[in-house]
N, C-alpha and C. Protein backbone atom coordinates (compact mmCIF):
# COMPACT_ATOMS: atom_id res chain seq x y z
N MET A 1 1.01 -23.37 -9.10
CA MET A 1 2.05 -22.61 -8.41
C MET A 1 3.35 -22.77 -9.19
N SER A 2 4.03 -21.66 -9.40
CA SER A 2 5.24 -21.72 -10.21
C SER A 2 6.41 -22.28 -9.39
N GLU A 3 7.32 -22.91 -10.09
CA GLU A 3 8.54 -23.43 -9.49
C GLU A 3 9.72 -22.86 -10.26
N ARG A 4 10.77 -22.49 -9.53
CA ARG A 4 11.97 -21.94 -10.15
C ARG A 4 13.19 -22.66 -9.60
N SER A 5 14.05 -23.07 -10.50
CA SER A 5 15.29 -23.76 -10.11
C SER A 5 16.49 -22.91 -10.51
N GLY A 6 17.63 -23.22 -9.91
CA GLY A 6 18.87 -22.57 -10.29
C GLY A 6 19.11 -21.21 -9.65
N LEU A 7 18.26 -20.82 -8.70
CA LEU A 7 18.42 -19.51 -8.06
C LEU A 7 19.13 -19.58 -6.72
N ILE A 8 18.92 -20.68 -5.99
CA ILE A 8 19.55 -20.79 -4.68
C ILE A 8 20.12 -22.19 -4.48
N THR A 9 21.09 -22.24 -3.56
CA THR A 9 21.67 -23.52 -3.16
C THR A 9 21.80 -23.53 -1.65
N MET A 10 21.93 -24.73 -1.11
CA MET A 10 22.26 -24.89 0.29
C MET A 10 23.49 -25.78 0.34
N LYS A 11 24.61 -25.18 0.80
CA LYS A 11 25.90 -25.87 0.81
C LYS A 11 26.23 -26.42 -0.57
N GLY A 12 25.90 -25.62 -1.59
CA GLY A 12 26.19 -25.97 -2.97
C GLY A 12 25.16 -26.84 -3.65
N ASN A 13 24.19 -27.37 -2.91
CA ASN A 13 23.17 -28.23 -3.49
C ASN A 13 21.99 -27.39 -3.96
N PRO A 14 21.59 -27.54 -5.24
CA PRO A 14 20.51 -26.73 -5.78
C PRO A 14 19.16 -27.04 -5.12
N LEU A 15 18.36 -25.99 -4.97
CA LEU A 15 17.02 -26.10 -4.39
C LEU A 15 16.02 -25.44 -5.32
N THR A 16 14.75 -25.78 -5.12
CA THR A 16 13.66 -25.26 -5.94
C THR A 16 12.82 -24.31 -5.12
N LEU A 17 12.54 -23.14 -5.68
CA LEU A 17 11.65 -22.18 -5.03
C LEU A 17 10.26 -22.30 -5.63
N THR A 18 9.26 -22.24 -4.76
CA THR A 18 7.88 -22.26 -5.23
C THR A 18 7.21 -20.95 -4.85
N GLY A 19 6.20 -20.61 -5.61
CA GLY A 19 5.46 -19.38 -5.34
C GLY A 19 5.67 -18.36 -6.43
N THR A 20 5.08 -17.21 -6.22
CA THR A 20 5.10 -16.15 -7.21
C THR A 20 6.16 -15.11 -6.84
N PRO A 21 7.21 -14.99 -7.64
CA PRO A 21 8.24 -14.00 -7.30
C PRO A 21 7.72 -12.58 -7.51
N LEU A 22 8.22 -11.66 -6.70
CA LEU A 22 7.85 -10.25 -6.82
C LEU A 22 8.94 -9.49 -7.56
N THR A 23 8.56 -8.35 -8.10
CA THR A 23 9.47 -7.45 -8.77
C THR A 23 9.39 -6.10 -8.08
N VAL A 24 10.51 -5.39 -8.00
CA VAL A 24 10.49 -4.05 -7.42
C VAL A 24 9.41 -3.23 -8.13
N GLY A 25 8.59 -2.55 -7.32
CA GLY A 25 7.47 -1.78 -7.85
C GLY A 25 6.13 -2.48 -7.67
N ASP A 26 6.16 -3.81 -7.43
CA ASP A 26 4.92 -4.56 -7.21
C ASP A 26 4.30 -4.16 -5.87
N THR A 27 2.98 -4.23 -5.80
CA THR A 27 2.29 -4.10 -4.52
C THR A 27 2.52 -5.40 -3.75
N VAL A 28 2.93 -5.27 -2.51
CA VAL A 28 3.25 -6.44 -1.70
C VAL A 28 1.95 -7.12 -1.25
N PRO A 29 1.88 -8.45 -1.36
CA PRO A 29 0.67 -9.16 -0.91
C PRO A 29 0.45 -8.98 0.59
N ASP A 30 -0.81 -8.86 0.99
CA ASP A 30 -1.16 -8.67 2.40
C ASP A 30 -1.36 -10.03 3.06
N VAL A 31 -0.27 -10.69 3.36
CA VAL A 31 -0.34 -12.03 3.95
C VAL A 31 -0.57 -11.94 5.45
N THR A 32 -1.08 -13.04 6.01
CA THR A 32 -1.30 -13.15 7.45
C THR A 32 -0.31 -14.16 8.01
N LEU A 33 0.38 -13.75 9.07
CA LEU A 33 1.35 -14.59 9.76
C LEU A 33 0.95 -14.67 11.22
N LEU A 34 1.67 -15.48 12.00
CA LEU A 34 1.39 -15.57 13.44
C LEU A 34 2.54 -14.98 14.24
N ASN A 35 2.20 -14.20 15.27
CA ASN A 35 3.24 -13.68 16.15
C ASN A 35 3.53 -14.71 17.25
N THR A 36 4.43 -14.36 18.16
CA THR A 36 4.83 -15.32 19.19
C THR A 36 3.72 -15.60 20.20
N GLY A 37 2.67 -14.82 20.19
CA GLY A 37 1.50 -15.06 21.04
C GLY A 37 0.40 -15.81 20.32
N LEU A 38 0.71 -16.36 19.14
CA LEU A 38 -0.22 -17.11 18.29
C LEU A 38 -1.35 -16.24 17.73
N GLU A 39 -1.13 -14.93 17.70
CA GLU A 39 -2.13 -14.01 17.16
C GLU A 39 -1.82 -13.72 15.70
N PRO A 40 -2.86 -13.62 14.87
CA PRO A 40 -2.62 -13.30 13.45
C PRO A 40 -2.15 -11.86 13.29
N VAL A 41 -1.19 -11.68 12.40
CA VAL A 41 -0.66 -10.36 12.07
C VAL A 41 -0.64 -10.26 10.55
N ARG A 42 -1.21 -9.19 10.03
CA ARG A 42 -1.20 -8.95 8.58
C ARG A 42 -0.15 -7.90 8.27
N LEU A 43 0.43 -7.99 7.10
CA LEU A 43 1.39 -6.96 6.71
C LEU A 43 0.71 -5.59 6.68
N SER A 44 -0.57 -5.55 6.36
CA SER A 44 -1.29 -4.26 6.33
C SER A 44 -1.42 -3.65 7.72
N ASP A 45 -1.16 -4.42 8.77
CA ASP A 45 -1.15 -3.86 10.13
C ASP A 45 -0.03 -2.82 10.28
N TYR A 46 0.92 -2.83 9.37
CA TYR A 46 2.05 -1.90 9.40
C TYR A 46 1.89 -0.79 8.36
N LYS A 47 0.65 -0.48 8.03
CA LYS A 47 0.37 0.55 7.03
C LYS A 47 1.09 1.85 7.40
N ASP A 48 1.60 2.53 6.40
CA ASP A 48 2.32 3.80 6.56
C ASP A 48 3.67 3.64 7.26
N LYS A 49 4.18 2.43 7.34
CA LYS A 49 5.52 2.17 7.87
C LYS A 49 6.38 1.61 6.74
N VAL A 50 7.66 1.83 6.84
CA VAL A 50 8.61 1.16 5.96
C VAL A 50 8.93 -0.18 6.62
N LEU A 51 8.93 -1.23 5.84
CA LEU A 51 9.19 -2.56 6.40
C LEU A 51 10.45 -3.16 5.80
N ILE A 52 11.26 -3.75 6.67
CA ILE A 52 12.33 -4.65 6.25
C ILE A 52 11.83 -6.04 6.60
N LEU A 53 11.57 -6.84 5.58
CA LEU A 53 11.10 -8.22 5.79
C LEU A 53 12.28 -9.14 5.52
N ALA A 54 12.77 -9.77 6.56
CA ALA A 54 13.90 -10.69 6.44
C ALA A 54 13.37 -12.11 6.56
N SER A 55 13.35 -12.84 5.45
CA SER A 55 12.93 -14.23 5.54
C SER A 55 14.16 -15.10 5.75
N VAL A 56 14.02 -16.03 6.69
CA VAL A 56 15.13 -16.91 7.06
C VAL A 56 14.62 -18.35 7.16
N PRO A 57 15.49 -19.33 6.92
CA PRO A 57 15.05 -20.72 7.05
C PRO A 57 14.64 -21.10 8.48
N SER A 58 15.48 -20.79 9.48
CA SER A 58 15.15 -21.13 10.86
C SER A 58 16.03 -20.35 11.82
N LEU A 59 15.41 -19.74 12.82
CA LEU A 59 16.16 -19.01 13.84
C LEU A 59 17.09 -19.92 14.63
N ASP A 60 16.86 -21.23 14.57
CA ASP A 60 17.69 -22.18 15.30
C ASP A 60 18.95 -22.59 14.54
N THR A 61 19.28 -21.85 13.48
CA THR A 61 20.55 -22.09 12.79
C THR A 61 21.45 -20.88 13.00
N SER A 62 22.73 -21.10 12.93
CA SER A 62 23.68 -20.03 13.28
C SER A 62 23.56 -18.81 12.38
N VAL A 63 23.46 -18.98 11.06
CA VAL A 63 23.41 -17.84 10.15
C VAL A 63 22.12 -17.05 10.37
N CYS A 64 21.00 -17.73 10.52
CA CYS A 64 19.72 -17.05 10.73
C CYS A 64 19.71 -16.33 12.08
N SER A 65 20.26 -16.96 13.08
CA SER A 65 20.33 -16.34 14.39
C SER A 65 21.20 -15.08 14.34
N GLU A 66 22.37 -15.19 13.72
CA GLU A 66 23.27 -14.03 13.61
C GLU A 66 22.63 -12.92 12.78
N GLU A 67 21.94 -13.28 11.71
CA GLU A 67 21.27 -12.28 10.88
C GLU A 67 20.22 -11.52 11.68
N THR A 68 19.43 -12.24 12.43
CA THR A 68 18.35 -11.61 13.19
C THR A 68 18.92 -10.77 14.33
N LYS A 69 20.00 -11.23 14.95
CA LYS A 69 20.66 -10.42 15.98
C LYS A 69 21.21 -9.13 15.35
N ARG A 70 21.78 -9.22 14.17
CA ARG A 70 22.32 -8.03 13.50
C ARG A 70 21.20 -7.05 13.16
N PHE A 71 20.09 -7.55 12.60
CA PHE A 71 18.97 -6.66 12.29
C PHE A 71 18.37 -6.08 13.57
N ASN A 72 18.36 -6.84 14.65
CA ASN A 72 17.87 -6.33 15.93
C ASN A 72 18.73 -5.16 16.39
N ALA A 73 20.04 -5.30 16.30
CA ALA A 73 20.95 -4.23 16.70
C ALA A 73 20.81 -3.01 15.79
N GLU A 74 20.71 -3.25 14.49
CA GLU A 74 20.55 -2.15 13.53
C GLU A 74 19.23 -1.43 13.73
N ALA A 75 18.17 -2.18 14.05
CA ALA A 75 16.84 -1.60 14.20
C ALA A 75 16.80 -0.57 15.32
N ALA A 76 17.64 -0.74 16.33
CA ALA A 76 17.68 0.21 17.44
C ALA A 76 18.14 1.59 16.97
N GLN A 77 18.86 1.65 15.86
CA GLN A 77 19.40 2.90 15.32
C GLN A 77 18.53 3.48 14.20
N LEU A 78 17.49 2.77 13.79
CA LEU A 78 16.67 3.20 12.66
C LEU A 78 15.56 4.15 13.09
N SER A 79 15.05 4.86 12.13
CA SER A 79 13.89 5.72 12.34
C SER A 79 12.73 4.89 12.88
N PRO A 80 11.89 5.48 13.75
CA PRO A 80 10.71 4.75 14.23
C PRO A 80 9.71 4.45 13.11
N GLU A 81 9.94 5.04 11.94
CA GLU A 81 9.07 4.77 10.79
C GLU A 81 9.42 3.45 10.10
N ILE A 82 10.49 2.80 10.55
CA ILE A 82 10.94 1.53 9.95
C ILE A 82 10.72 0.40 10.94
N ASN A 83 10.04 -0.64 10.50
CA ASN A 83 9.87 -1.85 11.30
C ASN A 83 10.62 -3.00 10.64
N VAL A 84 11.31 -3.79 11.44
CA VAL A 84 12.03 -4.96 10.94
C VAL A 84 11.27 -6.20 11.39
N LEU A 85 10.87 -7.02 10.41
CA LEU A 85 10.15 -8.26 10.68
C LEU A 85 10.99 -9.42 10.18
N THR A 86 11.25 -10.38 11.04
CA THR A 86 11.93 -11.61 10.63
C THR A 86 10.88 -12.69 10.52
N ILE A 87 10.82 -13.32 9.36
CA ILE A 87 9.78 -14.30 9.06
C ILE A 87 10.44 -15.64 8.77
N SER A 88 9.93 -16.68 9.44
CA SER A 88 10.45 -18.03 9.22
C SER A 88 9.29 -19.03 9.33
N MET A 89 9.62 -20.28 9.06
CA MET A 89 8.64 -21.35 9.22
C MET A 89 8.69 -21.94 10.63
N ASP A 90 9.54 -21.37 11.49
CA ASP A 90 9.60 -21.83 12.88
C ASP A 90 8.24 -21.66 13.54
N LEU A 91 7.92 -22.54 14.46
CA LEU A 91 6.70 -22.38 15.24
C LEU A 91 6.82 -21.13 16.11
N PRO A 92 5.71 -20.46 16.37
CA PRO A 92 5.76 -19.27 17.23
C PRO A 92 6.43 -19.52 18.58
N PHE A 93 6.28 -20.73 19.13
CA PHE A 93 6.90 -21.07 20.43
C PHE A 93 8.42 -21.01 20.32
N ALA A 94 8.96 -21.54 19.22
CA ALA A 94 10.40 -21.52 19.01
C ALA A 94 10.88 -20.09 18.80
N GLN A 95 10.10 -19.31 18.07
CA GLN A 95 10.47 -17.91 17.87
C GLN A 95 10.48 -17.16 19.19
N LYS A 96 9.49 -17.40 20.04
CA LYS A 96 9.43 -16.72 21.34
C LYS A 96 10.64 -17.10 22.20
N ARG A 97 11.00 -18.37 22.19
CA ARG A 97 12.18 -18.82 22.94
C ARG A 97 13.42 -18.09 22.45
N TRP A 98 13.56 -17.97 21.12
CA TRP A 98 14.72 -17.29 20.55
C TRP A 98 14.72 -15.82 20.97
N VAL A 99 13.59 -15.14 20.83
CA VAL A 99 13.48 -13.72 21.20
C VAL A 99 13.83 -13.52 22.67
N ASP A 100 13.31 -14.39 23.53
CA ASP A 100 13.58 -14.27 24.97
C ASP A 100 15.06 -14.54 25.28
N THR A 101 15.65 -15.50 24.60
CA THR A 101 17.05 -15.85 24.83
C THR A 101 17.98 -14.70 24.45
N TYR A 102 17.70 -14.06 23.32
CA TYR A 102 18.59 -13.01 22.82
C TYR A 102 18.07 -11.59 23.08
N LEU A 103 17.00 -11.48 23.86
CA LEU A 103 16.43 -10.17 24.20
C LEU A 103 16.26 -9.30 22.96
N ALA A 104 15.71 -9.91 21.94
CA ALA A 104 15.53 -9.25 20.64
C ALA A 104 14.23 -8.44 20.65
N THR A 105 14.33 -7.22 21.14
CA THR A 105 13.14 -6.40 21.31
C THR A 105 12.94 -5.39 20.18
N ASN A 106 13.88 -5.31 19.25
CA ASN A 106 13.78 -4.33 18.17
C ASN A 106 13.30 -4.92 16.85
N VAL A 107 13.18 -6.24 16.79
CA VAL A 107 12.62 -6.91 15.61
C VAL A 107 11.37 -7.65 16.05
N THR A 108 10.50 -7.89 15.09
CA THR A 108 9.30 -8.70 15.34
C THR A 108 9.47 -10.00 14.58
N THR A 109 9.35 -11.13 15.27
CA THR A 109 9.41 -12.42 14.59
C THR A 109 8.00 -12.88 14.30
N LEU A 110 7.81 -13.37 13.08
CA LEU A 110 6.50 -13.85 12.64
C LEU A 110 6.67 -15.21 11.98
N SER A 111 5.68 -16.07 12.19
CA SER A 111 5.74 -17.44 11.68
C SER A 111 4.82 -17.63 10.48
N ASP A 112 5.36 -18.29 9.48
CA ASP A 112 4.62 -18.64 8.26
C ASP A 112 4.30 -20.13 8.23
N HIS A 113 4.46 -20.80 9.38
CA HIS A 113 4.37 -22.27 9.40
C HIS A 113 2.99 -22.80 9.02
N LYS A 114 1.95 -22.06 9.34
CA LYS A 114 0.59 -22.58 9.17
C LYS A 114 0.21 -22.81 7.71
N ASP A 115 0.31 -21.77 6.89
CA ASP A 115 -0.14 -21.88 5.50
C ASP A 115 0.94 -21.62 4.45
N ALA A 116 2.09 -21.17 4.88
CA ALA A 116 3.19 -20.81 3.97
C ALA A 116 2.77 -19.73 2.98
N THR A 117 1.86 -18.85 3.40
CA THR A 117 1.38 -17.82 2.48
C THR A 117 2.45 -16.77 2.17
N PHE A 118 3.29 -16.46 3.13
CA PHE A 118 4.38 -15.53 2.83
C PHE A 118 5.31 -16.18 1.80
N GLY A 119 5.74 -17.40 2.08
CA GLY A 119 6.66 -18.09 1.18
C GLY A 119 6.15 -18.19 -0.24
N THR A 120 4.88 -18.55 -0.41
CA THR A 120 4.34 -18.68 -1.76
C THR A 120 4.03 -17.33 -2.40
N SER A 121 3.59 -16.36 -1.60
CA SER A 121 3.24 -15.05 -2.14
C SER A 121 4.47 -14.22 -2.52
N PHE A 122 5.60 -14.51 -1.88
CA PHE A 122 6.83 -13.79 -2.19
C PHE A 122 7.81 -14.65 -3.01
N GLY A 123 7.43 -15.89 -3.30
CA GLY A 123 8.25 -16.76 -4.14
C GLY A 123 9.51 -17.28 -3.47
N VAL A 124 9.47 -17.45 -2.14
CA VAL A 124 10.67 -17.88 -1.42
C VAL A 124 10.48 -19.18 -0.62
N LEU A 125 9.45 -19.95 -0.93
CA LEU A 125 9.25 -21.23 -0.25
C LEU A 125 10.12 -22.29 -0.91
N ILE A 126 10.99 -22.92 -0.11
CA ILE A 126 11.88 -23.96 -0.64
C ILE A 126 11.09 -25.27 -0.69
N LYS A 127 10.87 -25.76 -1.88
CA LYS A 127 10.04 -26.96 -2.10
C LYS A 127 10.57 -28.17 -1.34
N GLU A 128 11.85 -28.42 -1.43
CA GLU A 128 12.42 -29.64 -0.85
C GLU A 128 12.40 -29.64 0.68
N LEU A 129 12.37 -28.48 1.31
CA LEU A 129 12.52 -28.40 2.76
C LEU A 129 11.32 -27.80 3.49
N ARG A 130 10.40 -27.20 2.74
CA ARG A 130 9.28 -26.42 3.31
C ARG A 130 9.80 -25.41 4.34
N LEU A 131 10.87 -24.74 3.94
CA LEU A 131 11.45 -23.63 4.70
C LEU A 131 11.48 -22.43 3.77
N LEU A 132 11.70 -21.26 4.35
CA LEU A 132 11.83 -20.06 3.54
C LEU A 132 13.29 -19.85 3.15
N ALA A 133 13.48 -19.36 1.94
CA ALA A 133 14.82 -19.00 1.49
C ALA A 133 15.27 -17.74 2.23
N ARG A 134 16.57 -17.54 2.29
CA ARG A 134 17.09 -16.31 2.89
C ARG A 134 16.90 -15.19 1.86
N ALA A 135 16.14 -14.20 2.27
CA ALA A 135 15.86 -13.06 1.38
C ALA A 135 15.54 -11.85 2.24
N VAL A 136 15.71 -10.67 1.66
CA VAL A 136 15.34 -9.44 2.34
C VAL A 136 14.51 -8.61 1.36
N PHE A 137 13.38 -8.13 1.84
CA PHE A 137 12.49 -7.28 1.07
C PHE A 137 12.31 -5.98 1.84
N VAL A 138 12.37 -4.86 1.14
CA VAL A 138 12.06 -3.56 1.75
C VAL A 138 10.78 -3.07 1.09
N VAL A 139 9.81 -2.75 1.94
CA VAL A 139 8.49 -2.31 1.48
C VAL A 139 8.33 -0.84 1.86
N GLY A 140 7.96 -0.03 0.90
CA GLY A 140 7.73 1.39 1.16
C GLY A 140 6.43 1.62 1.91
N LYS A 141 6.25 2.83 2.40
CA LYS A 141 5.04 3.19 3.15
C LYS A 141 3.77 2.98 2.33
N ASP A 142 3.91 3.03 1.01
CA ASP A 142 2.76 2.86 0.13
C ASP A 142 2.46 1.39 -0.16
N GLY A 143 3.22 0.47 0.44
CA GLY A 143 2.96 -0.96 0.26
C GLY A 143 3.56 -1.56 -0.99
N THR A 144 4.47 -0.83 -1.63
CA THR A 144 5.13 -1.39 -2.81
C THR A 144 6.54 -1.85 -2.48
N LEU A 145 6.98 -2.84 -3.21
CA LEU A 145 8.31 -3.40 -3.01
C LEU A 145 9.35 -2.43 -3.55
N ALA A 146 10.25 -1.98 -2.68
CA ALA A 146 11.28 -1.02 -3.06
C ALA A 146 12.64 -1.67 -3.27
N TYR A 147 12.86 -2.84 -2.67
CA TYR A 147 14.17 -3.50 -2.74
C TYR A 147 13.96 -4.97 -2.41
N GLN A 148 14.77 -5.81 -3.05
CA GLN A 148 14.76 -7.22 -2.67
C GLN A 148 16.12 -7.83 -2.95
N GLN A 149 16.47 -8.77 -2.09
CA GLN A 149 17.67 -9.58 -2.32
C GLN A 149 17.33 -11.01 -1.97
N LEU A 150 17.46 -11.88 -2.94
CA LEU A 150 17.38 -13.32 -2.72
C LEU A 150 18.82 -13.78 -2.60
N VAL A 151 19.20 -14.29 -1.42
CA VAL A 151 20.59 -14.72 -1.20
C VAL A 151 20.80 -16.05 -1.91
N GLY A 152 21.76 -16.09 -2.81
CA GLY A 152 21.98 -17.27 -3.66
C GLY A 152 22.37 -18.52 -2.91
N GLU A 153 23.22 -18.39 -1.91
CA GLU A 153 23.62 -19.53 -1.07
C GLU A 153 22.96 -19.33 0.28
N VAL A 154 22.07 -20.23 0.64
CA VAL A 154 21.25 -20.09 1.85
C VAL A 154 22.09 -19.92 3.11
N THR A 155 23.30 -20.45 3.12
CA THR A 155 24.14 -20.34 4.32
C THR A 155 24.93 -19.04 4.38
N ASP A 156 24.75 -18.15 3.39
CA ASP A 156 25.41 -16.84 3.40
C ASP A 156 24.48 -15.79 3.99
N PRO A 157 25.03 -14.74 4.60
CA PRO A 157 24.20 -13.65 5.11
C PRO A 157 23.77 -12.73 3.97
N PRO A 158 22.75 -11.91 4.22
CA PRO A 158 22.33 -10.94 3.20
C PRO A 158 23.26 -9.72 3.19
N ASP A 159 23.02 -8.83 2.26
CA ASP A 159 23.74 -7.55 2.19
C ASP A 159 23.01 -6.57 3.11
N TYR A 160 23.45 -6.50 4.35
CA TYR A 160 22.79 -5.65 5.35
C TYR A 160 22.79 -4.18 4.92
N ASP A 161 23.94 -3.69 4.47
CA ASP A 161 24.05 -2.27 4.13
C ASP A 161 23.08 -1.88 3.02
N ALA A 162 22.94 -2.73 2.01
CA ALA A 162 22.02 -2.41 0.91
C ALA A 162 20.57 -2.38 1.40
N ALA A 163 20.19 -3.34 2.22
CA ALA A 163 18.81 -3.39 2.73
C ALA A 163 18.52 -2.20 3.63
N LEU A 164 19.44 -1.90 4.54
CA LEU A 164 19.24 -0.78 5.46
C LEU A 164 19.22 0.54 4.70
N GLY A 165 20.08 0.67 3.70
CA GLY A 165 20.09 1.88 2.88
C GLY A 165 18.79 2.06 2.13
N ALA A 166 18.26 0.97 1.58
CA ALA A 166 16.99 1.03 0.86
C ALA A 166 15.85 1.44 1.80
N ALA A 167 15.88 0.93 3.03
CA ALA A 167 14.84 1.28 3.99
C ALA A 167 14.93 2.75 4.37
N ARG A 168 16.13 3.23 4.61
CA ARG A 168 16.32 4.65 4.95
C ARG A 168 15.84 5.55 3.83
N GLN A 169 16.11 5.15 2.58
CA GLN A 169 15.65 5.93 1.44
C GLN A 169 14.12 6.04 1.41
N GLN A 170 13.45 4.98 1.80
CA GLN A 170 11.99 4.97 1.76
C GLN A 170 11.37 5.89 2.80
N VAL A 171 12.07 6.15 3.89
CA VAL A 171 11.54 7.05 4.91
C VAL A 171 11.34 8.44 4.34
N SER A 172 12.28 8.87 3.52
CA SER A 172 12.19 10.22 2.97
C SER A 172 11.45 10.27 1.64
N ALA A 173 11.05 9.13 1.12
CA ALA A 173 10.36 9.09 -0.19
C ALA A 173 8.93 9.58 -0.09
């Protein structure tokens, strides 16, 4: 498994990413995650949909919580052809608690805690913490990566406008 250093920091401290990084145009790996009901969900379950995949370290942190609330609010205004998935290493129980607390009905939270297959397949697993790096991926209806942003400082939010714009572009593509 490849390791990459110098790409992200947490509060200025460098971290190591493990896994295989993707490039725009790559076919997105069909990983299996768990939903809040402990049921397996594959990315291919969203075939013919545009996906915004927001990976976050933990919904129980302020930046991740605010990011997911923002994507939840934005998702209400998006085409029904776009699905927003927030993926973290949080246990499905913790994700369900967060969803229920914030009435986040426009995003789907999925857990990578079991095998870290999303983290390793997308190259965003933080070696030192076994958490996911903050990143946003936009996947076209054809299953190819159309946009990605790896946020350099884990405590910073992503570029919402760029991600949402890329997703909107994919609807008409």
